[in-house]
N, C-alpha and C. Protein backbone atom coordinates (compact mmCIF):
# COMPACT_ATOMS: atom_id res chain seq x y z
N MET A 1 47.45 -23.74 -77.13
CA MET A 1 46.43 -24.52 -76.46
C MET A 1 45.34 -23.57 -75.98
N SER A 2 44.10 -23.91 -76.20
CA SER A 2 42.96 -23.11 -75.79
C SER A 2 42.57 -23.47 -74.37
N ARG A 3 42.19 -22.48 -73.60
CA ARG A 3 41.77 -22.73 -72.23
C ARG A 3 40.30 -22.37 -72.10
N ASP A 4 39.51 -23.24 -71.44
CA ASP A 4 38.12 -22.93 -71.14
C ASP A 4 38.11 -22.18 -69.82
N LEU A 5 37.64 -20.94 -69.84
CA LEU A 5 37.66 -20.12 -68.65
C LEU A 5 36.29 -19.53 -68.41
N SER A 6 35.80 -19.67 -67.21
CA SER A 6 34.60 -18.92 -66.87
C SER A 6 34.98 -17.71 -66.06
N SER A 7 36.22 -17.65 -65.56
CA SER A 7 36.71 -16.47 -64.88
C SER A 7 38.21 -16.42 -65.01
N ALA A 8 38.69 -15.22 -64.92
CA ALA A 8 40.12 -15.01 -64.94
C ALA A 8 40.38 -13.65 -64.37
N GLY A 9 41.57 -13.35 -63.86
CA GLY A 9 41.87 -12.08 -63.22
C GLY A 9 43.25 -11.59 -63.57
N PHE A 10 43.58 -10.36 -63.24
CA PHE A 10 44.89 -9.84 -63.55
C PHE A 10 45.31 -8.85 -62.49
N SER A 11 46.58 -8.56 -62.43
CA SER A 11 47.12 -7.58 -61.50
C SER A 11 48.17 -6.77 -62.24
N ILE A 12 48.01 -5.48 -62.31
CA ILE A 12 48.92 -4.62 -63.06
C ILE A 12 50.33 -4.75 -62.53
N LEU A 13 50.49 -4.91 -61.22
CA LEU A 13 51.82 -4.98 -60.63
C LEU A 13 52.61 -6.18 -61.10
N PHE A 14 51.97 -7.22 -61.53
CA PHE A 14 52.66 -8.45 -61.88
C PHE A 14 52.77 -8.70 -63.38
N LEU A 15 52.30 -7.80 -64.21
CA LEU A 15 52.38 -8.00 -65.65
C LEU A 15 53.84 -8.07 -66.07
N ARG A 16 54.15 -9.04 -66.91
CA ARG A 16 55.55 -9.37 -67.18
C ARG A 16 56.21 -8.52 -68.25
N ASP A 17 55.50 -8.04 -69.22
CA ASP A 17 56.16 -7.32 -70.30
C ASP A 17 55.24 -6.23 -70.84
N THR A 18 55.82 -5.37 -71.64
CA THR A 18 55.09 -4.23 -72.18
C THR A 18 53.91 -4.67 -73.04
N GLN A 19 54.09 -5.71 -73.84
CA GLN A 19 53.01 -6.17 -74.71
C GLN A 19 51.81 -6.61 -73.87
N THR A 20 52.04 -7.32 -72.79
CA THR A 20 50.96 -7.76 -71.93
C THR A 20 50.27 -6.56 -71.30
N ARG A 21 51.05 -5.58 -70.84
CA ARG A 21 50.46 -4.37 -70.25
C ARG A 21 49.57 -3.67 -71.26
N LYS A 22 50.03 -3.57 -72.51
CA LYS A 22 49.23 -2.91 -73.54
C LYS A 22 47.93 -3.65 -73.80
N MET A 23 47.96 -4.97 -73.72
CA MET A 23 46.75 -5.75 -73.99
C MET A 23 45.72 -5.56 -72.88
N PHE A 24 46.17 -5.32 -71.65
CA PHE A 24 45.24 -5.17 -70.54
C PHE A 24 44.71 -3.74 -70.39
N LYS A 25 45.35 -2.74 -70.99
CA LYS A 25 44.93 -1.36 -70.82
C LYS A 25 43.48 -1.11 -71.22
N PRO A 26 42.99 -1.62 -72.37
CA PRO A 26 41.57 -1.39 -72.71
C PRO A 26 40.63 -2.03 -71.70
N LEU A 27 40.98 -3.20 -71.18
CA LEU A 27 40.16 -3.88 -70.19
C LEU A 27 40.10 -3.07 -68.90
N ILE A 28 41.24 -2.55 -68.47
CA ILE A 28 41.30 -1.74 -67.26
C ILE A 28 40.52 -0.44 -67.45
N ALA A 29 40.67 0.19 -68.59
CA ALA A 29 39.97 1.44 -68.86
C ALA A 29 38.45 1.24 -68.86
N ALA A 30 38.00 0.17 -69.46
CA ALA A 30 36.56 -0.12 -69.50
C ALA A 30 36.01 -0.34 -68.10
N ALA A 31 36.75 -1.08 -67.30
CA ALA A 31 36.31 -1.36 -65.93
C ALA A 31 36.30 -0.09 -65.09
N ALA A 32 37.30 0.75 -65.27
CA ALA A 32 37.37 2.00 -64.50
C ALA A 32 36.27 2.96 -64.90
N ALA A 33 35.89 2.96 -66.17
CA ALA A 33 34.89 3.90 -66.66
C ALA A 33 33.46 3.44 -66.37
N ALA A 34 33.25 2.15 -66.17
CA ALA A 34 31.89 1.62 -65.99
C ALA A 34 31.10 2.36 -64.91
N PRO A 35 31.66 2.61 -63.73
CA PRO A 35 30.87 3.30 -62.72
C PRO A 35 30.58 4.76 -63.07
N LEU A 36 31.34 5.35 -63.96
CA LEU A 36 31.14 6.75 -64.30
C LEU A 36 29.90 6.97 -65.15
N PHE A 37 29.45 5.93 -65.84
CA PHE A 37 28.30 6.06 -66.72
C PHE A 37 26.97 5.86 -65.99
N ALA A 38 27.03 5.52 -64.74
CA ALA A 38 25.82 5.33 -63.96
C ALA A 38 26.04 5.96 -62.59
N GLY A 39 24.96 6.35 -61.92
CA GLY A 39 25.10 6.93 -60.59
C GLY A 39 25.78 5.96 -59.64
N ALA A 40 26.68 6.46 -58.83
CA ALA A 40 27.42 5.60 -57.91
C ALA A 40 26.52 5.10 -56.80
N ALA A 41 26.75 3.89 -56.39
CA ALA A 41 26.05 3.30 -55.26
C ALA A 41 27.09 2.55 -54.45
N PHE A 42 26.64 1.77 -53.48
CA PHE A 42 27.58 1.05 -52.64
C PHE A 42 28.43 0.11 -53.49
N ALA A 43 29.70 0.13 -53.23
CA ALA A 43 30.64 -0.76 -53.91
C ALA A 43 31.61 -1.26 -52.86
N GLY A 44 32.13 -2.45 -53.08
CA GLY A 44 33.05 -2.96 -52.08
C GLY A 44 33.97 -4.04 -52.59
N PRO A 45 35.02 -4.27 -51.82
CA PRO A 45 36.00 -5.30 -52.18
C PRO A 45 35.52 -6.69 -51.78
N TYR A 46 36.08 -7.70 -52.42
CA TYR A 46 35.78 -9.09 -52.09
C TYR A 46 36.93 -9.99 -52.52
N VAL A 47 36.90 -11.23 -52.08
CA VAL A 47 37.86 -12.26 -52.49
C VAL A 47 37.07 -13.36 -53.16
N ASN A 48 37.57 -13.86 -54.29
CA ASN A 48 36.90 -14.93 -55.02
C ASN A 48 37.92 -16.01 -55.38
N VAL A 49 37.67 -17.23 -54.95
CA VAL A 49 38.50 -18.38 -55.32
C VAL A 49 37.63 -19.28 -56.18
N GLU A 50 38.12 -19.61 -57.38
CA GLU A 50 37.32 -20.40 -58.31
C GLU A 50 38.20 -21.42 -59.02
N ALA A 51 37.72 -22.63 -59.14
CA ALA A 51 38.44 -23.69 -59.85
C ALA A 51 37.63 -24.13 -61.05
N ASN A 52 38.30 -24.28 -62.20
CA ASN A 52 37.67 -24.75 -63.43
C ASN A 52 38.53 -25.86 -64.00
N ALA A 53 37.91 -26.94 -64.41
CA ALA A 53 38.63 -28.07 -65.00
C ALA A 53 38.05 -28.37 -66.38
N SER A 54 38.90 -28.93 -67.25
CA SER A 54 38.47 -29.26 -68.60
C SER A 54 38.58 -30.77 -68.80
N TYR A 55 37.49 -31.37 -69.29
CA TYR A 55 37.43 -32.82 -69.54
C TYR A 55 36.90 -33.09 -70.94
N PRO A 56 37.64 -32.71 -72.00
CA PRO A 56 37.14 -33.02 -73.34
C PRO A 56 37.13 -34.54 -73.56
N ASP A 57 36.08 -35.03 -74.15
CA ASP A 57 35.90 -36.47 -74.40
C ASP A 57 36.01 -37.29 -73.13
N GLY A 58 35.69 -36.69 -71.98
CA GLY A 58 35.70 -37.42 -70.71
C GLY A 58 37.07 -37.61 -70.08
N GLU A 59 38.11 -37.03 -70.67
CA GLU A 59 39.47 -37.17 -70.13
C GLU A 59 39.96 -35.83 -69.60
N TYR A 60 40.49 -35.82 -68.38
CA TYR A 60 41.02 -34.60 -67.78
C TYR A 60 42.21 -34.09 -68.59
N THR A 61 42.22 -32.77 -68.85
CA THR A 61 43.36 -32.17 -69.54
C THR A 61 43.98 -31.02 -68.74
N THR A 62 43.16 -30.10 -68.24
CA THR A 62 43.70 -28.95 -67.51
C THR A 62 42.76 -28.53 -66.38
N ALA A 63 43.34 -27.83 -65.42
CA ALA A 63 42.57 -27.21 -64.34
C ALA A 63 43.19 -25.86 -64.05
N THR A 64 42.34 -24.88 -63.82
CA THR A 64 42.80 -23.53 -63.48
C THR A 64 42.11 -23.11 -62.19
N THR A 65 42.90 -22.69 -61.23
CA THR A 65 42.37 -22.18 -59.97
C THR A 65 42.76 -20.72 -59.85
N ASP A 66 41.74 -19.85 -59.77
CA ASP A 66 41.96 -18.41 -59.67
C ASP A 66 41.87 -17.99 -58.21
N LEU A 67 42.76 -17.13 -57.79
CA LEU A 67 42.73 -16.52 -56.46
C LEU A 67 42.67 -15.01 -56.69
N HIS A 68 41.46 -14.46 -56.66
CA HIS A 68 41.24 -13.08 -57.07
C HIS A 68 40.82 -12.18 -55.93
N ILE A 69 41.23 -10.94 -56.05
CA ILE A 69 40.71 -9.85 -55.23
C ILE A 69 39.90 -8.99 -56.18
N GLY A 70 38.70 -8.62 -55.75
CA GLY A 70 37.83 -7.88 -56.65
C GLY A 70 37.14 -6.71 -55.99
N PHE A 71 36.42 -6.01 -56.81
CA PHE A 71 35.66 -4.84 -56.41
C PHE A 71 34.36 -4.85 -57.20
N ASP A 72 33.23 -4.68 -56.51
CA ASP A 72 31.96 -4.63 -57.23
C ASP A 72 31.11 -3.48 -56.73
N GLY A 73 30.12 -3.14 -57.51
CA GLY A 73 29.23 -2.05 -57.14
C GLY A 73 28.08 -1.96 -58.12
N GLY A 74 27.34 -0.89 -58.02
CA GLY A 74 26.20 -0.70 -58.91
C GLY A 74 25.58 0.66 -58.72
N THR A 75 24.56 0.92 -59.51
CA THR A 75 23.87 2.20 -59.43
C THR A 75 22.90 2.19 -58.25
N GLU A 76 22.51 3.38 -57.83
CA GLU A 76 21.59 3.49 -56.69
C GLU A 76 20.25 2.85 -56.97
N ASP A 77 19.80 2.88 -58.21
CA ASP A 77 18.50 2.30 -58.54
C ASP A 77 18.57 0.78 -58.75
N GLY A 78 19.78 0.23 -58.72
CA GLY A 78 19.96 -1.23 -58.85
C GLY A 78 19.83 -1.75 -60.26
N LYS A 79 19.76 -0.87 -61.24
CA LYS A 79 19.58 -1.34 -62.61
C LYS A 79 20.88 -1.74 -63.29
N VAL A 80 22.01 -1.27 -62.79
CA VAL A 80 23.31 -1.61 -63.36
C VAL A 80 24.24 -2.04 -62.23
N SER A 81 24.92 -3.16 -62.42
CA SER A 81 25.95 -3.56 -61.48
C SER A 81 27.19 -3.98 -62.27
N TYR A 82 28.35 -3.92 -61.61
CA TYR A 82 29.61 -4.21 -62.28
C TYR A 82 30.56 -4.89 -61.30
N TYR A 83 31.58 -5.52 -61.84
CA TYR A 83 32.63 -6.09 -61.02
C TYR A 83 33.93 -6.12 -61.81
N LEU A 84 35.02 -6.11 -61.06
CA LEU A 84 36.37 -6.18 -61.61
C LEU A 84 37.18 -6.98 -60.61
N GLN A 85 37.86 -8.02 -61.09
CA GLN A 85 38.66 -8.83 -60.18
C GLN A 85 39.89 -9.36 -60.89
N GLY A 86 40.92 -9.67 -60.10
CA GLY A 86 42.13 -10.20 -60.70
C GLY A 86 43.10 -10.74 -59.67
N GLY A 87 44.07 -11.48 -60.17
CA GLY A 87 45.10 -12.06 -59.32
C GLY A 87 45.76 -13.23 -60.00
N PRO A 88 46.46 -14.06 -59.21
CA PRO A 88 47.15 -15.21 -59.79
C PRO A 88 46.17 -16.31 -60.19
N ALA A 89 46.57 -17.05 -61.21
CA ALA A 89 45.83 -18.24 -61.66
C ALA A 89 46.82 -19.39 -61.72
N PHE A 90 46.49 -20.48 -61.07
CA PHE A 90 47.36 -21.66 -61.04
C PHE A 90 46.82 -22.66 -62.06
N VAL A 91 47.59 -22.88 -63.12
CA VAL A 91 47.15 -23.69 -64.25
C VAL A 91 47.90 -25.02 -64.25
N HIS A 92 47.17 -26.11 -64.05
CA HIS A 92 47.76 -27.44 -64.08
C HIS A 92 47.40 -28.11 -65.40
N THR A 93 48.40 -28.68 -66.06
CA THR A 93 48.19 -29.38 -67.33
C THR A 93 48.56 -30.84 -67.15
N ASP A 94 47.65 -31.72 -67.51
CA ASP A 94 47.88 -33.15 -67.35
C ASP A 94 49.03 -33.64 -68.22
N SER A 95 49.15 -33.11 -69.44
CA SER A 95 50.16 -33.61 -70.38
C SER A 95 51.58 -33.44 -69.84
N SER A 96 51.83 -32.36 -69.10
CA SER A 96 53.17 -32.15 -68.54
C SER A 96 53.20 -32.39 -67.04
N ASP A 97 52.04 -32.62 -66.43
CA ASP A 97 51.90 -32.78 -64.99
C ASP A 97 52.63 -31.65 -64.26
N ASP A 98 52.43 -30.43 -64.77
CA ASP A 98 53.11 -29.26 -64.24
C ASP A 98 52.06 -28.19 -63.94
N THR A 99 52.36 -27.36 -62.95
CA THR A 99 51.48 -26.24 -62.62
C THR A 99 52.23 -24.94 -62.84
N GLU A 100 51.65 -24.07 -63.66
CA GLU A 100 52.22 -22.75 -63.95
C GLU A 100 51.39 -21.69 -63.23
N THR A 101 52.05 -20.64 -62.79
CA THR A 101 51.34 -19.51 -62.21
C THR A 101 51.24 -18.42 -63.26
N GLU A 102 50.02 -18.05 -63.59
CA GLU A 102 49.75 -17.01 -64.57
C GLU A 102 48.99 -15.88 -63.89
N LEU A 103 48.67 -14.86 -64.64
CA LEU A 103 47.86 -13.74 -64.15
C LEU A 103 46.53 -13.77 -64.89
N SER A 104 45.46 -13.55 -64.14
CA SER A 104 44.15 -13.60 -64.78
C SER A 104 43.25 -12.52 -64.20
N GLY A 105 42.20 -12.20 -64.93
CA GLY A 105 41.26 -11.19 -64.47
C GLY A 105 39.98 -11.21 -65.27
N LYS A 106 38.98 -10.55 -64.73
CA LYS A 106 37.73 -10.42 -65.47
C LYS A 106 37.02 -9.15 -65.05
N VAL A 107 36.21 -8.67 -65.96
CA VAL A 107 35.37 -7.51 -65.72
C VAL A 107 33.99 -7.85 -66.26
N GLY A 108 32.96 -7.48 -65.51
CA GLY A 108 31.61 -7.82 -65.94
C GLY A 108 30.62 -6.72 -65.64
N LEU A 109 29.50 -6.78 -66.34
CA LEU A 109 28.45 -5.79 -66.22
C LEU A 109 27.10 -6.50 -66.32
N VAL A 110 26.16 -6.11 -65.46
CA VAL A 110 24.80 -6.64 -65.50
C VAL A 110 23.84 -5.46 -65.58
N VAL A 111 22.90 -5.49 -66.53
CA VAL A 111 21.94 -4.42 -66.72
C VAL A 111 20.53 -5.01 -66.65
N ALA A 112 19.72 -4.47 -65.75
CA ALA A 112 18.32 -4.89 -65.64
C ALA A 112 17.55 -4.21 -66.77
N VAL A 113 16.93 -5.01 -67.64
CA VAL A 113 16.21 -4.44 -68.77
C VAL A 113 14.69 -4.48 -68.59
N ALA A 114 14.21 -5.28 -67.65
CA ALA A 114 12.79 -5.37 -67.34
C ALA A 114 12.67 -6.07 -66.00
N ASP A 115 11.46 -6.11 -65.44
CA ASP A 115 11.27 -6.85 -64.20
C ASP A 115 11.59 -8.32 -64.43
N GLY A 116 12.58 -8.82 -63.72
CA GLY A 116 12.96 -10.22 -63.85
C GLY A 116 13.84 -10.56 -65.03
N ALA A 117 14.32 -9.56 -65.76
CA ALA A 117 15.17 -9.83 -66.93
C ALA A 117 16.43 -8.98 -66.87
N ASP A 118 17.58 -9.65 -66.90
CA ASP A 118 18.87 -8.98 -66.89
C ASP A 118 19.69 -9.42 -68.08
N ILE A 119 20.47 -8.50 -68.63
CA ILE A 119 21.46 -8.82 -69.65
C ILE A 119 22.82 -8.69 -68.98
N TYR A 120 23.69 -9.67 -69.21
CA TYR A 120 25.01 -9.61 -68.59
C TYR A 120 26.10 -9.89 -69.61
N GLY A 121 27.29 -9.41 -69.28
CA GLY A 121 28.44 -9.65 -70.13
C GLY A 121 29.70 -9.69 -69.29
N GLU A 122 30.68 -10.43 -69.76
CA GLU A 122 31.94 -10.57 -69.05
C GLU A 122 33.08 -10.71 -70.05
N ILE A 123 34.20 -10.06 -69.76
CA ILE A 123 35.44 -10.25 -70.51
C ILE A 123 36.48 -10.75 -69.53
N ALA A 124 37.16 -11.84 -69.89
CA ALA A 124 38.18 -12.43 -69.03
C ALA A 124 39.47 -12.57 -69.81
N GLY A 125 40.57 -12.55 -69.09
CA GLY A 125 41.88 -12.73 -69.72
C GLY A 125 42.82 -13.46 -68.80
N ILE A 126 43.75 -14.20 -69.39
CA ILE A 126 44.77 -14.91 -68.62
C ILE A 126 46.07 -14.90 -69.41
N SER A 127 47.17 -14.68 -68.72
CA SER A 127 48.47 -14.68 -69.38
C SER A 127 48.87 -16.12 -69.70
N GLY A 128 49.84 -16.29 -70.58
CA GLY A 128 50.32 -17.61 -70.95
C GLY A 128 51.38 -17.51 -72.03
N GLU A 129 51.64 -18.63 -72.66
CA GLU A 129 52.59 -18.70 -73.77
C GLU A 129 51.93 -19.43 -74.92
N ASP A 130 52.28 -19.00 -76.15
CA ASP A 130 51.79 -19.73 -77.31
C ASP A 130 52.75 -20.88 -77.61
N SER A 131 52.48 -21.61 -78.67
CA SER A 131 53.28 -22.81 -79.00
C SER A 131 54.73 -22.49 -79.30
N SER A 132 55.03 -21.24 -79.67
CA SER A 132 56.42 -20.87 -79.96
C SER A 132 57.13 -20.29 -78.74
N GLY A 133 56.43 -20.22 -77.60
CA GLY A 133 57.04 -19.72 -76.37
C GLY A 133 56.89 -18.24 -76.14
N ASP A 134 56.17 -17.53 -77.03
CA ASP A 134 55.95 -16.10 -76.86
C ASP A 134 54.87 -15.85 -75.81
N ASP A 135 55.04 -14.78 -75.01
CA ASP A 135 54.03 -14.41 -74.03
C ASP A 135 52.80 -13.87 -74.73
N ILE A 136 51.63 -14.34 -74.29
CA ILE A 136 50.36 -13.91 -74.87
C ILE A 136 49.34 -13.71 -73.76
N VAL A 137 48.21 -13.14 -74.10
CA VAL A 137 47.07 -13.08 -73.21
C VAL A 137 45.90 -13.70 -73.96
N ASP A 138 45.32 -14.75 -73.38
CA ASP A 138 44.13 -15.38 -73.95
C ASP A 138 42.91 -14.65 -73.38
N PHE A 139 42.06 -14.14 -74.27
CA PHE A 139 40.83 -13.48 -73.85
C PHE A 139 39.64 -14.38 -74.15
N SER A 140 38.62 -14.24 -73.34
CA SER A 140 37.36 -14.91 -73.60
C SER A 140 36.25 -13.96 -73.17
N GLY A 141 35.07 -14.23 -73.62
CA GLY A 141 33.94 -13.39 -73.27
C GLY A 141 32.66 -14.18 -73.24
N LYS A 142 31.69 -13.62 -72.56
CA LYS A 142 30.37 -14.23 -72.58
C LYS A 142 29.32 -13.15 -72.42
N VAL A 143 28.19 -13.39 -73.01
CA VAL A 143 27.02 -12.53 -72.87
C VAL A 143 25.82 -13.42 -72.67
N GLY A 144 24.81 -12.90 -72.02
CA GLY A 144 23.62 -13.72 -71.80
C GLY A 144 22.47 -12.91 -71.27
N VAL A 145 21.34 -13.58 -71.17
CA VAL A 145 20.12 -13.01 -70.61
C VAL A 145 19.67 -13.94 -69.51
N LYS A 146 19.33 -13.36 -68.37
CA LYS A 146 18.84 -14.15 -67.23
C LYS A 146 17.41 -13.71 -66.93
N TYR A 147 16.48 -14.69 -66.95
CA TYR A 147 15.09 -14.44 -66.59
C TYR A 147 14.82 -15.03 -65.22
N THR A 148 14.24 -14.26 -64.33
CA THR A 148 13.90 -14.71 -63.00
C THR A 148 12.39 -14.83 -62.89
N PHE A 149 11.92 -15.98 -62.44
CA PHE A 149 10.46 -16.23 -62.33
C PHE A 149 9.97 -16.00 -60.94
């Protein structure tokens, strides 16, 4: 089953198996390295609670509520900012009327390319099971350009 996610988080301490840990290592490495490529500026922790629901064809199917702890920062000149967050995700499915607790996380980067124009990107992941019952990590990503008038 595919999940529509605009955010997701993860926690290394709670990863269930070696395969899942291996899948998150590149994401963790990218997030850890992001501040090294730009001059360090103020960075700080935060808490983010986000709920996302899916209504294909107007009918409710799933809802995911993320409870994340994160860290964000940026360069001194303000041209690059980043964030990394993760924690439990509570996934409710209408078909089984059941709520599962998964692990989710996301890492993002915003780069100012001109006055009033930013390019952003995000990679998100959430643990789960495929149709055969095997543990998997569903990844999603987004990229975009934001113009401010």
